[in-house]
N, C-alpha and C. Protein backbone atom coordinates (compact mmCIF):
# COMPACT_ATOMS: atom_id res chain seq x y z
N UNK A 1 28.61 -121.95 -222.94
CA UNK A 1 28.04 -121.64 -221.63
C UNK A 1 27.61 -122.93 -221.27
N UNK A 2 26.65 -123.58 -222.66
CA UNK A 2 25.78 -125.21 -223.23
C UNK A 2 26.79 -125.77 -224.39
N UNK A 3 27.02 -126.97 -223.91
CA UNK A 3 28.04 -128.29 -225.05
C UNK A 3 27.16 -127.51 -226.34
N UNK A 4 27.83 -127.46 -227.14
CA UNK A 4 27.13 -127.58 -228.56
C UNK A 4 26.45 -129.06 -228.91
N UNK A 5 26.70 -129.75 -227.99
CA UNK A 5 25.90 -131.22 -228.35
C UNK A 5 24.35 -130.91 -227.67
N UNK A 6 24.47 -130.72 -226.22
CA UNK A 6 23.18 -130.51 -226.34
C UNK A 6 22.36 -129.37 -226.73
N UNK A 7 23.12 -128.51 -227.02
CA UNK A 7 22.08 -127.51 -227.89
C UNK A 7 21.42 -127.96 -229.16
N UNK A 8 22.32 -128.83 -229.95
CA UNK A 8 22.13 -129.62 -230.89
C UNK A 8 20.88 -130.85 -230.38
N UNK A 9 20.67 -131.25 -229.70
CA UNK A 9 20.40 -132.38 -228.83
C UNK A 9 18.14 -132.40 -228.66
N UNK A 10 18.85 -130.19 -228.59
CA UNK A 10 17.27 -129.42 -227.54
C UNK A 10 16.50 -129.76 -229.46
N UNK A 11 17.75 -128.41 -229.57
CA UNK A 11 17.07 -128.25 -231.39
C UNK A 11 16.51 -129.17 -231.74
N UNK A 12 16.64 -130.75 -231.89
CA UNK A 12 16.11 -131.77 -232.23
C UNK A 12 14.27 -132.33 -232.03
N UNK A 13 15.04 -132.12 -230.56
CA UNK A 13 13.81 -132.05 -229.96
C UNK A 13 12.80 -130.85 -230.80
N UNK A 14 13.00 -129.50 -229.88
CA UNK A 14 11.91 -129.31 -230.71
C UNK A 14 11.30 -128.59 -232.11
N UNK A 15 12.81 -129.35 -233.22
CA UNK A 15 11.74 -129.36 -234.53
C UNK A 15 11.58 -130.71 -234.20
N UNK A 16 12.03 -131.51 -233.66
CA UNK A 16 10.72 -132.49 -234.02
C UNK A 16 9.36 -132.68 -233.30
N UNK A 17 8.69 -131.83 -232.24
CA UNK A 17 8.31 -131.70 -231.95
C UNK A 17 7.61 -130.59 -232.59
N UNK A 18 7.64 -129.67 -233.26
CA UNK A 18 7.33 -129.09 -233.65
C UNK A 18 6.51 -129.70 -235.52
N UNK A 19 7.18 -130.64 -236.16
CA UNK A 19 7.07 -131.69 -237.82
C UNK A 19 5.62 -132.21 -236.97
N UNK A 20 6.01 -133.11 -236.15
CA UNK A 20 4.90 -133.43 -235.38
C UNK A 20 3.86 -133.27 -235.00
N UNK A 21 3.87 -131.95 -234.78
CA UNK A 21 2.42 -131.18 -234.30
C UNK A 21 1.76 -131.08 -235.76
N UNK A 22 2.66 -130.75 -236.13
CA UNK A 22 2.05 -129.85 -237.75
C UNK A 22 1.52 -131.10 -238.57
N UNK A 23 2.45 -132.39 -238.79
CA UNK A 23 1.90 -133.83 -239.38
C UNK A 23 1.30 -134.32 -238.97
N UNK A 24 0.99 -133.89 -237.23
CA UNK A 24 0.13 -135.30 -236.84
C UNK A 24 0.18 -136.22 -236.79
N UNK A 25 1.18 -136.91 -237.44
CA UNK A 25 1.17 -138.87 -237.38
C UNK A 25 2.75 -138.65 -237.94
N UNK A 26 3.84 -139.46 -237.19
CA UNK A 26 5.10 -139.70 -237.46
C UNK A 26 5.15 -141.09 -238.71
N UNK A 27 6.12 -139.89 -239.84
CA UNK A 27 6.27 -140.27 -240.46
C UNK A 27 7.64 -140.55 -240.90
N UNK A 28 8.25 -140.91 -239.66
CA UNK A 28 9.54 -141.86 -239.40
C UNK A 28 9.65 -142.46 -238.39
N UNK A 29 9.90 -143.09 -237.81
CA UNK A 29 10.33 -143.65 -236.35
C UNK A 29 11.66 -143.71 -236.53
N UNK A 30 12.50 -143.41 -236.00
CA UNK A 30 13.59 -143.29 -235.68
C UNK A 30 13.98 -144.98 -234.65
N UNK A 31 14.96 -145.54 -235.28
CA UNK A 31 15.05 -147.16 -235.13
C UNK A 31 16.44 -147.20 -233.84
N UNK A 32 15.76 -148.13 -232.66
CA UNK A 32 17.17 -147.90 -231.59
C UNK A 32 18.83 -147.97 -232.38
N UNK A 33 18.85 -148.89 -233.81
CA UNK A 33 19.87 -149.39 -234.23
C UNK A 33 20.87 -147.74 -234.67
N UNK A 34 19.90 -147.59 -235.47
CA UNK A 34 20.07 -146.34 -236.49
C UNK A 34 21.15 -145.08 -234.94
N UNK A 35 19.81 -145.10 -234.00
CA UNK A 35 20.57 -143.94 -232.98
C UNK A 35 22.27 -144.30 -232.41
N UNK A 36 21.75 -144.94 -232.11
CA UNK A 36 23.29 -145.85 -231.47
C UNK A 36 24.53 -146.33 -232.78
N UNK A 37 24.37 -145.91 -233.89
CA UNK A 37 25.35 -146.37 -234.65
C UNK A 37 25.30 -145.15 -235.20
N UNK A 38 25.01 -144.54 -235.88
CA UNK A 38 25.03 -143.30 -236.37
C UNK A 38 24.96 -141.81 -235.52
N UNK A 39 24.07 -141.82 -234.58
CA UNK A 39 24.02 -140.42 -233.63
C UNK A 39 24.48 -140.08 -232.57
N UNK A 40 24.59 -141.12 -231.91
CA UNK A 40 25.26 -140.69 -230.85
C UNK A 40 25.96 -141.06 -231.07
N UNK A 41 27.49 -141.36 -231.71
CA UNK A 41 28.88 -141.44 -231.87
C UNK A 41 29.42 -140.14 -231.84
N UNK A 42 28.96 -139.36 -232.71
CA UNK A 42 29.25 -137.83 -233.21
C UNK A 42 28.83 -137.21 -231.88
N UNK A 43 27.81 -137.79 -230.68
CA UNK A 43 27.46 -136.06 -230.05
C UNK A 43 28.90 -136.78 -228.63
N UNK A 44 28.91 -138.06 -228.28
CA UNK A 44 29.73 -138.37 -227.32
C UNK A 44 31.31 -138.10 -227.79
N UNK A 45 31.38 -138.40 -229.54
CA UNK A 45 32.79 -137.48 -229.44
C UNK A 45 33.29 -136.39 -229.31
N UNK A 46 32.16 -135.42 -230.11
CA UNK A 46 32.17 -134.13 -229.98
C UNK A 46 32.66 -134.06 -228.44
N UNK A 47 32.00 -134.01 -227.52
CA UNK A 47 31.80 -134.09 -226.20
C UNK A 47 33.27 -134.36 -225.74
N UNK A 48 33.55 -135.37 -225.89
CA UNK A 48 34.87 -135.92 -225.05
C UNK A 48 36.62 -134.93 -225.79
N UNK A 49 35.78 -134.81 -227.43
CA UNK A 49 37.06 -134.16 -227.57
C UNK A 49 37.14 -132.24 -227.38
N UNK A 50 36.41 -131.83 -227.32
CA UNK A 50 35.94 -130.39 -226.64
C UNK A 50 35.61 -130.64 -225.17
N UNK A 51 36.09 -131.16 -224.66
CA UNK A 51 36.31 -131.60 -223.07
C UNK A 51 37.56 -130.49 -222.94
N UNK A 52 38.07 -129.92 -222.03
CA UNK A 52 39.25 -129.39 -221.49
C UNK A 52 39.62 -130.39 -221.14
N UNK A 53 41.77 -130.23 -221.43
CA UNK A 53 42.04 -131.39 -220.87
C UNK A 53 42.62 -131.17 -219.86
N UNK A 54 42.38 -130.24 -219.11
CA UNK A 54 42.83 -129.68 -217.59
C UNK A 54 42.02 -130.67 -216.73
N UNK A 55 41.01 -130.47 -217.04
CA UNK A 55 39.64 -131.16 -215.68
C UNK A 55 39.89 -132.64 -216.71
N UNK A 56 40.10 -133.48 -217.65
CA UNK A 56 39.86 -134.65 -217.19
C UNK A 56 40.88 -135.43 -216.63
N UNK A 57 42.44 -134.13 -216.72
CA UNK A 57 44.09 -135.03 -216.23
C UNK A 57 44.10 -134.69 -214.63
N UNK A 58 43.23 -133.70 -213.75
CA UNK A 58 42.77 -133.45 -213.07
C UNK A 58 42.42 -134.85 -212.04
N UNK A 59 41.14 -135.47 -213.30
CA UNK A 59 40.38 -136.50 -211.97
C UNK A 59 41.11 -138.00 -213.60
N UNK A 60 41.70 -137.84 -213.48
CA UNK A 60 42.13 -139.04 -214.25
C UNK A 60 41.82 -139.84 -213.29
N UNK A 61 42.33 -140.33 -212.32
CA UNK A 61 42.24 -141.37 -210.84
C UNK A 61 40.67 -141.55 -210.37
N UNK A 62 39.85 -140.99 -210.04
CA UNK A 62 38.43 -140.90 -210.44
C UNK A 62 37.76 -141.41 -211.73
N UNK A 63 37.98 -140.89 -212.39
CA UNK A 63 37.89 -141.47 -213.87
C UNK A 63 38.22 -143.45 -213.92
N UNK A 64 39.38 -143.44 -213.63
CA UNK A 64 39.62 -144.45 -213.91
C UNK A 64 39.58 -145.98 -212.58
N UNK A 65 39.02 -145.02 -211.52
CA UNK A 65 38.88 -145.98 -210.28
C UNK A 65 37.05 -146.33 -210.50
N UNK A 66 36.40 -145.07 -210.74
CA UNK A 66 35.20 -145.56 -211.27
C UNK A 66 35.10 -146.22 -212.60
N UNK A 67 36.22 -146.57 -213.69
CA UNK A 67 35.93 -147.09 -214.61
C UNK A 67 36.49 -148.72 -214.20
N UNK A 68 37.50 -148.68 -213.65
CA UNK A 68 37.41 -150.04 -212.68
C UNK A 68 36.81 -151.37 -212.43
N UNK A 69 36.19 -150.05 -210.90
CA UNK A 69 35.51 -150.27 -210.30
C UNK A 69 34.19 -150.67 -210.97
N UNK A 70 33.69 -150.54 -211.50
CA UNK A 70 31.87 -150.24 -212.93
C UNK A 70 32.57 -151.56 -213.05
N UNK A 71 33.41 -151.51 -214.15
CA UNK A 71 33.33 -153.12 -214.84
C UNK A 71 33.61 -154.56 -214.27
N UNK A 72 33.95 -154.26 -212.82
CA UNK A 72 34.40 -155.82 -211.97
C UNK A 72 32.89 -155.97 -211.56
N UNK A 73 31.74 -154.71 -210.96
CA UNK A 73 31.09 -154.56 -210.37
C UNK A 73 30.09 -155.36 -211.69
N UNK A 74 29.99 -154.65 -212.95
CA UNK A 74 29.26 -155.17 -213.88
C UNK A 74 29.05 -156.60 -214.04
N UNK A 75 30.83 -157.64 -214.43
CA UNK A 75 31.66 -158.32 -214.66
C UNK A 75 30.84 -159.17 -213.42
N UNK A 76 30.81 -159.15 -212.75
CA UNK A 76 30.74 -160.27 -211.93
C UNK A 76 29.03 -160.11 -211.73
N UNK A 77 28.53 -159.06 -210.97
CA UNK A 77 26.46 -158.95 -210.89
C UNK A 77 26.17 -160.30 -212.01
N UNK A 78 26.69 -159.68 -213.38
CA UNK A 78 26.09 -160.16 -214.45
C UNK A 78 26.71 -161.52 -214.59
N UNK A 79 27.56 -161.82 -214.05
CA UNK A 79 28.15 -163.79 -213.70
C UNK A 79 26.98 -164.00 -212.99
N UNK A 80 27.44 -163.71 -211.88
CA UNK A 80 26.46 -164.15 -210.54
C UNK A 80 24.65 -163.98 -211.18
N UNK A 81 24.15 -163.58 -211.79
CA UNK A 81 23.22 -163.32 -212.61
C UNK A 81 23.02 -164.56 -213.66
N UNK A 82 23.54 -164.57 -214.29
CA UNK A 82 23.53 -166.08 -215.14
C UNK A 82 23.55 -167.25 -214.42
N UNK A 83 24.63 -168.04 -213.19
CA UNK A 83 24.84 -168.61 -212.66
C UNK A 83 23.48 -168.95 -211.78
N UNK A 84 22.63 -168.00 -210.71
CA UNK A 84 21.87 -168.33 -210.67
C UNK A 84 20.21 -168.74 -211.23
N UNK A 85 20.18 -167.69 -212.10
CA UNK A 85 19.75 -168.02 -213.25
C UNK A 85 19.26 -169.93 -213.64
N UNK A 86 20.93 -170.09 -214.13
CA UNK A 86 21.37 -171.81 -214.32
C UNK A 86 21.11 -172.10 -213.41
N UNK A 87 21.20 -172.57 -212.18
CA UNK A 87 20.78 -172.63 -211.37
C UNK A 87 19.27 -173.38 -210.77
N UNK A 88 18.27 -172.03 -211.18
CA UNK A 88 17.10 -171.78 -210.66
C UNK A 88 16.45 -173.12 -211.93
N UNK A 89 17.23 -173.33 -213.03
CA UNK A 89 16.26 -173.88 -214.00
C UNK A 89 15.60 -172.76 -215.35
N UNK A 90 15.92 -171.64 -214.89
CA UNK A 90 15.45 -171.08 -215.35
C UNK A 90 16.38 -170.98 -217.12
N UNK A 91 17.59 -171.10 -217.29
CA UNK A 91 18.24 -171.62 -218.29
C UNK A 91 18.29 -172.54 -218.90
N UNK A 92 18.27 -173.11 -220.20
CA UNK A 92 17.77 -174.42 -220.81
C UNK A 92 18.80 -175.02 -220.81
N UNK A 93 18.91 -176.20 -220.25
CA UNK A 93 19.55 -177.44 -220.27
C UNK A 93 20.68 -177.18 -221.56
N UNK A 94 20.26 -176.93 -222.68
CA UNK A 94 21.67 -177.31 -223.87
C UNK A 94 22.61 -175.70 -223.51
N UNK A 95 22.32 -174.65 -223.32
CA UNK A 95 22.47 -173.83 -222.74
C UNK A 95 24.14 -173.64 -222.16
N UNK A 96 25.24 -173.68 -222.54
CA UNK A 96 26.66 -173.96 -221.88
C UNK A 96 26.99 -172.65 -221.54
């Protein structure tokens, strides 16, 4: 009913809340780099590995469309924003 990765996140939130309530102060602060390098990949890979392949292949066209359109949108808007910042003089002249 609920994916295992979601249950693990909820379990971590509950246990972290209990530890924080008992200890009254955080003894360990999770750094963003640690989260993105060591915790997020197993969650994403677990979700992708256990996704039913039938649903994936039934929606492959929509997935690829969103991937291509999203990539093009991000590339053009980021490029236009950087070009606009450079034209406005908000970027140092030595930056090429």
